[in-house]
Protein backbone atom coordinates (compact mmCIF):
# COMPACT_ATOMS: atom_id res chain seq x y z
CA MET A 1 -30.02 44.51 25.88
CA ARG A 2 -26.39 45.41 26.01
CA LYS A 3 -26.16 43.86 29.31
CA VAL A 4 -27.62 40.77 28.21
CA LEU A 5 -25.12 40.41 25.10
CA LEU A 6 -22.17 41.41 26.77
CA SER A 7 -23.21 38.69 29.01
CA PHE A 8 -23.66 36.06 26.78
CA LEU A 9 -20.24 36.69 24.70
CA PHE A 10 -18.54 36.56 28.32
CA ILE A 11 -20.04 33.01 29.02
CA ILE A 12 -19.04 32.23 25.56
CA MET A 13 -15.46 33.18 25.94
CA PHE A 14 -15.21 31.69 29.39
CA VAL A 15 -16.37 27.82 28.14
CA GLN A 16 -14.13 28.46 25.05
CA TYR A 17 -11.28 29.35 27.43
CA THR A 18 -12.14 26.30 30.10
CA PHE A 19 -12.69 23.63 27.80
CA ALA A 20 -10.17 24.62 25.03
CA LYS A 21 -7.22 21.96 24.62
CA PRO A 22 -3.78 22.53 25.08
CA LEU A 23 -1.86 22.81 21.83
CA VAL A 24 1.10 20.42 20.88
CA VAL A 25 3.11 21.68 18.42
CA THR A 26 5.77 19.18 17.20
CA SER A 27 8.66 19.56 14.51
CA THR A 28 7.72 16.46 12.25
CA TYR A 29 4.66 14.25 11.94
CA ILE A 30 6.07 11.13 13.62
CA LEU A 31 6.66 13.29 16.78
CA SER A 32 2.72 14.30 16.68
CA SER A 33 1.80 10.68 16.18
CA LEU A 34 3.67 9.75 19.45
CA VAL A 35 2.10 12.57 21.05
CA ASN A 36 -1.60 11.66 19.85
CA GLN A 37 -0.83 7.86 20.88
CA ILE A 38 0.14 9.24 24.50
CA ALA A 39 -2.39 11.95 24.89
CA GLN A 40 -5.06 10.82 22.48
CA ASN A 41 -8.19 13.44 22.49
CA LYS A 42 -6.83 15.21 25.38
CA VAL A 43 -4.97 17.83 23.14
CA ASP A 44 -4.59 19.19 20.05
CA THR A 45 -1.50 18.59 17.60
CA ALA A 46 0.14 20.16 14.78
CA PHE A 47 3.39 19.92 12.79
CA ILE A 48 5.63 22.48 11.21
CA VAL A 49 7.40 20.63 8.26
CA PRO A 50 4.99 19.58 5.84
CA GLU A 51 5.39 15.57 4.73
CA ASN A 52 6.24 16.48 1.48
CA ALA A 53 9.10 18.49 2.45
CA ASN A 54 12.82 17.34 3.02
CA PRO A 55 12.88 18.38 6.59
CA HIS A 56 16.91 18.90 6.24
CA PHE A 57 16.22 21.95 4.15
CA PHE A 58 12.82 23.11 5.44
CA ASN A 59 12.40 26.64 6.86
CA PRO A 60 9.14 27.69 8.74
CA THR A 61 7.03 30.06 6.94
CA PRO A 62 5.57 32.75 9.14
CA LYS A 63 2.37 31.17 9.27
CA ASP A 64 4.30 28.10 11.21
CA ILE A 65 6.02 30.54 13.28
CA GLN A 66 2.34 31.88 14.42
CA GLU A 67 1.18 28.00 15.41
CA LEU A 68 4.63 27.92 17.32
CA ALA A 69 3.65 31.24 19.18
CA LYS A 70 0.32 29.37 19.94
CA SER A 71 1.44 26.29 21.38
CA ASN A 72 1.56 25.31 25.04
CA LEU A 73 4.25 22.68 24.16
CA PHE A 74 6.72 22.39 21.46
CA ILE A 75 8.69 19.38 20.95
CA SER A 76 11.89 18.86 18.32
CA VAL A 77 14.13 16.39 18.11
CA GLY A 78 17.40 18.02 18.32
CA TYR A 79 21.05 17.21 17.45
CA GLY A 80 20.93 20.15 14.67
CA PHE A 81 17.93 18.31 12.88
CA GLU A 82 15.53 21.63 13.32
CA PHE A 83 18.31 23.71 11.80
CA TRP A 84 15.97 26.63 12.09
CA PHE A 85 15.32 26.61 15.72
CA ASP A 86 17.64 28.99 17.28
CA LYS A 87 15.49 31.54 14.91
CA VAL A 88 12.31 30.87 16.16
CA LYS A 89 12.55 29.81 19.60
CA ASN A 90 11.98 33.67 20.83
CA ASN A 91 8.52 33.18 19.03
CA ILE A 92 7.67 30.12 21.53
CA LYS A 93 5.87 31.37 24.64
CA GLY A 94 5.05 27.68 26.28
CA LYS A 95 7.13 24.77 27.19
CA THR A 96 9.90 23.11 24.81
CA LEU A 97 10.99 19.54 24.93
CA ILE A 98 13.99 18.95 22.99
CA LEU A 99 14.65 14.91 22.90
CA SER A 100 18.03 15.16 21.98
CA ASP A 101 18.50 16.30 25.67
CA TYR A 102 17.55 13.04 26.68
CA HIS A 103 19.12 11.00 24.48
CA LYS A 104 22.51 9.39 26.02
CA ASN A 105 24.31 7.34 23.35
CA PRO A 106 24.29 9.68 19.79
CA ILE A 107 26.25 8.44 16.74
CA GLY A 108 28.53 10.43 14.72
CA LYS A 109 28.82 13.18 18.05
CA LYS A 110 30.29 16.28 17.42
CA THR A 111 30.69 19.81 19.06
CA LEU A 112 29.78 22.72 16.62
CA SER A 113 29.75 26.61 18.12
CA GLY A 114 29.24 24.77 21.51
CA LYS A 115 26.10 22.67 20.60
CA ILE A 116 26.15 18.85 20.36
CA ILE A 117 25.75 17.92 16.35
CA ALA A 118 25.21 14.17 15.84
CA ASN A 119 23.19 12.15 13.49
CA PRO A 120 19.49 13.19 14.43
CA HIS A 121 16.99 10.23 13.73
CA ILE A 122 16.84 9.18 17.20
CA TRP A 123 12.92 8.69 17.09
CA LEU A 124 14.36 5.52 15.46
CA ASP A 125 16.39 4.84 18.11
CA VAL A 126 13.68 2.31 19.67
CA ASP A 127 15.36 1.66 22.76
CA PHE A 128 15.60 5.31 23.50
CA VAL A 129 11.83 6.09 22.13
CA LYS A 130 10.29 3.20 24.67
CA ASN A 131 12.39 3.50 27.76
CA THR A 132 12.81 7.35 27.88
CA ALA A 133 11.18 9.70 25.12
CA VAL A 134 7.60 8.47 25.39
CA TYR A 135 7.68 9.21 29.06
CA ALA A 136 9.33 12.54 28.54
CA ILE A 137 6.74 13.48 26.25
CA ALA A 138 3.93 12.37 29.05
CA ASP A 139 6.02 13.87 31.64
CA ASN A 140 5.98 17.52 29.59
CA LEU A 141 2.43 16.84 28.88
CA CYS A 142 1.34 16.84 32.57
CA LYS A 143 3.19 20.37 32.99
CA ILE A 144 0.32 21.72 30.59
CA ASP A 145 -2.56 19.60 31.50
CA THR A 146 -2.10 18.37 35.41
CA LYS A 147 -5.55 16.72 35.36
CA ASN A 148 -4.88 14.39 33.06
CA CYS A 149 -1.38 13.13 34.20
CA SER A 150 -2.01 9.71 35.32
CA PHE A 151 -3.79 8.88 31.83
CA PHE A 152 -0.78 10.45 30.07
CA MET A 153 1.79 8.61 32.33
CA ASN A 154 -0.50 5.26 31.98
CA ASN A 155 -0.51 5.42 27.91
CA ALA A 156 2.98 5.98 28.01
CA LYS A 157 3.40 3.08 29.61
CA ASN A 158 1.34 0.58 27.28
CA LEU A 159 3.28 2.61 24.27
CA SER A 160 6.33 1.34 25.75
CA GLN A 161 5.43 -2.01 25.87
CA GLU A 162 3.54 -2.34 22.56
CA ILE A 163 7.34 -1.03 21.13
CA SER A 164 9.02 -3.64 23.30
CA HIS A 165 6.99 -6.66 21.45
CA ILE A 166 7.83 -5.22 18.03
CA GLN A 167 11.27 -5.18 19.05
CA ASN A 168 11.39 -8.35 19.92
CA ASP A 169 9.86 -9.40 16.84
CA TYR A 170 12.79 -7.61 14.82
CA LYS A 171 15.48 -9.69 16.99
CA LYS A 172 13.64 -13.01 16.54
CA LEU A 173 13.66 -12.00 12.44
CA PHE A 174 17.30 -12.01 12.48
CA LYS A 175 18.40 -14.72 15.24
CA ASN A 176 20.61 -17.43 13.87
CA LYS A 177 20.51 -16.11 10.07
CA ASN A 178 23.40 -14.64 8.31
CA ILE A 179 22.14 -11.65 6.54
CA CYS A 180 24.19 -8.58 5.56
CA ILE A 181 22.41 -5.25 5.75
CA VAL A 182 23.56 -2.37 3.30
CA GLU A 183 22.29 0.85 4.36
CA VAL A 184 22.20 3.69 1.77
CA ASP A 185 20.60 6.46 3.94
CA PRO A 186 22.18 7.49 7.32
CA ALA A 187 18.72 7.39 8.73
CA PHE A 188 18.83 3.90 9.73
CA ASP A 189 21.43 3.80 12.12
CA TYR A 190 19.80 3.88 15.47
CA PHE A 191 17.10 1.46 13.96
CA LEU A 192 19.45 -1.42 13.48
CA ARG A 193 21.34 -0.82 16.37
CA SER A 194 17.93 -1.26 18.20
CA PHE A 195 18.06 -4.72 17.33
CA GLY A 196 21.36 -5.55 17.55
CA LYS A 197 22.39 -5.19 13.92
CA GLN A 198 25.26 -3.28 12.14
CA PRO A 199 25.40 -2.68 8.48
CA CYS A 200 28.35 -4.25 6.55
CA ALA A 201 28.16 -0.81 4.74
CA LYS A 202 27.37 2.32 5.24
CA MET A 203 27.09 3.88 1.77
CA LEU A 204 26.64 7.71 2.80
CA GLN A 205 27.49 9.45 5.70
CA GLU A 206 25.31 12.09 7.62
CA GLY A 207 25.51 15.42 5.66
CA SER A 208 26.69 13.53 2.39
CA GLY A 209 24.52 13.34 -0.71
CA GLU A 210 26.70 11.30 -3.13
CA LEU A 211 28.15 8.00 -3.49
CA THR A 212 32.00 7.60 -4.42
CA LEU A 213 34.42 4.94 -4.93
CA THR A 214 35.06 5.00 -1.53
CA SER A 215 31.60 4.11 -0.71
CA PHE A 216 31.31 1.00 -2.87
CA LYS A 217 34.59 0.03 -1.65
CA GLN A 218 32.79 -0.77 1.70
CA LEU A 219 30.81 -3.28 -0.20
CA ASP A 220 33.80 -6.00 0.32
CA ASN A 221 32.72 -6.18 3.90
CA CYS A 222 29.54 -7.46 3.03
CA LYS A 223 30.55 -11.12 2.83
CA CYS A 224 27.00 -13.03 3.14
CA LYS A 225 25.38 -15.01 0.10
CA LYS A 226 21.96 -13.10 1.49
CA GLY A 227 21.49 -9.36 2.12
CA ILE A 228 19.10 -6.38 2.02
CA VAL A 229 19.84 -2.65 0.87
CA VAL A 230 17.75 -0.31 2.74
CA TYR A 231 17.02 3.21 1.85
CA ALA A 232 14.58 5.95 2.46
CA PHE A 233 15.11 8.32 -0.36
CA ARG A 234 17.94 6.84 -2.71
CA ALA A 235 16.04 4.12 -4.87
CA LYS A 236 17.88 4.18 -7.86
CA GLN A 237 21.21 3.98 -6.05
CA ALA A 238 19.77 0.77 -3.79
CA LYS A 239 18.80 -0.77 -6.91
CA VAL A 240 22.32 -0.28 -8.28
CA ILE A 241 23.85 -1.44 -4.87
CA ALA A 242 21.36 -4.43 -4.71
CA GLN A 243 22.17 -5.60 -8.59
CA GLU A 244 25.94 -5.41 -7.60
CA LYS A 245 25.79 -7.87 -4.77
CA HIS A 246 22.71 -10.00 -5.77
CA TYR A 247 20.68 -8.32 -2.96
CA LYS A 248 17.24 -7.01 -2.07
CA ASP A 249 16.74 -3.43 -2.32
CA VAL A 250 14.21 -2.54 0.77
CA TYR A 251 12.27 0.63 1.11
CA LEU A 252 11.97 1.72 4.82
CA SER A 253 10.23 4.52 5.94
CA PRO A 254 11.70 6.72 8.26
CA LEU A 255 9.06 9.67 9.07
CA GLY A 256 5.60 7.86 8.76
CA ASN A 257 2.60 9.37 6.81
CA SER A 258 -0.45 10.52 8.17
CA LYS A 259 -2.17 9.90 5.03
CA ASP A 260 -1.16 6.47 4.40
CA ASN A 261 -3.22 3.96 7.22
CA ARG A 262 -0.25 1.66 7.02
CA LEU A 263 1.89 4.37 8.30
CA ASN A 264 -0.13 6.99 10.18
CA SER A 265 1.40 6.18 14.07
CA TYR A 266 4.44 5.31 15.23
CA ILE A 267 3.78 1.65 16.03
CA LYS A 268 2.35 1.06 12.54
CA LEU A 269 5.59 2.56 11.30
CA LEU A 270 7.82 0.26 13.16
CA GLN A 271 5.26 -2.79 11.90
CA TYR A 272 5.80 -1.52 8.44
CA ASN A 273 9.15 -1.71 8.21
CA LEU A 274 9.17 -4.83 10.23
CA ASN A 275 6.71 -6.61 7.38
CA THR A 276 8.99 -5.22 4.63
CA ILE A 277 12.06 -6.55 6.13
CA LYS A 278 10.48 -9.61 6.84
CA ASN A 279 9.15 -10.44 3.43
CA ALA A 280 12.78 -9.83 1.94
CA VAL A 281 14.41 -11.86 4.17
CA ASN A 282 12.03 -14.77 3.61
CA ASP A 283 11.56 -14.60 0.27
């Protein structure tokens, strides 16, 4: 009887091990959404920074570190975004992908203690995501699940094409239109650059939290009669600036939201922001 029981337990353990999906842990939800669009149901995903937390200040909990230790692949943004990474990297036994290692055109680049620090919001750099990041993710998925490699690569190609279509819609939106863009939060530098726009005023720099008189002087550069004030976190400041310039204040989502059907994938995030800008510009 004991031999039968042991044999039964062995079979259960063998089946669980054989059919267990690889675990991919990312720092943020939006990166997990990219993984899910490429890997679909071939892997399990988890993310470290809670969606209601500020990723610039969040520190992983002991439970998060346990999750990292179990992961087959950990994906982070880099450029100092995961300031806690050095504290936990020794707990990561699987592979690690740092997207900034593949990013070639950082904004606000500087070197600190031998490491490159820059504006970290590169998941909103649409050119980078469609041309490089999706394929880097697929390639690393291949390393932890070789049998599904062609599936990952094909999905990365399809995702890249979807992103290109939406990017073209952004470019068409502003074609032959004299519209100024005021950027309140520094989250959208790469995003605006992706469809050929530069803000006429950048009210806050990366790492700065308060508007100053110098910030407001930048508004003198905004000569358009029509404009939008884009923000992610500072709604009150955006509204004040919009009233000052007679522009529209426009909320854009930088990170998506797993619980909001309008924002629960990377493609939906881009489409949501496009529709939001379109409504403001065409109003």
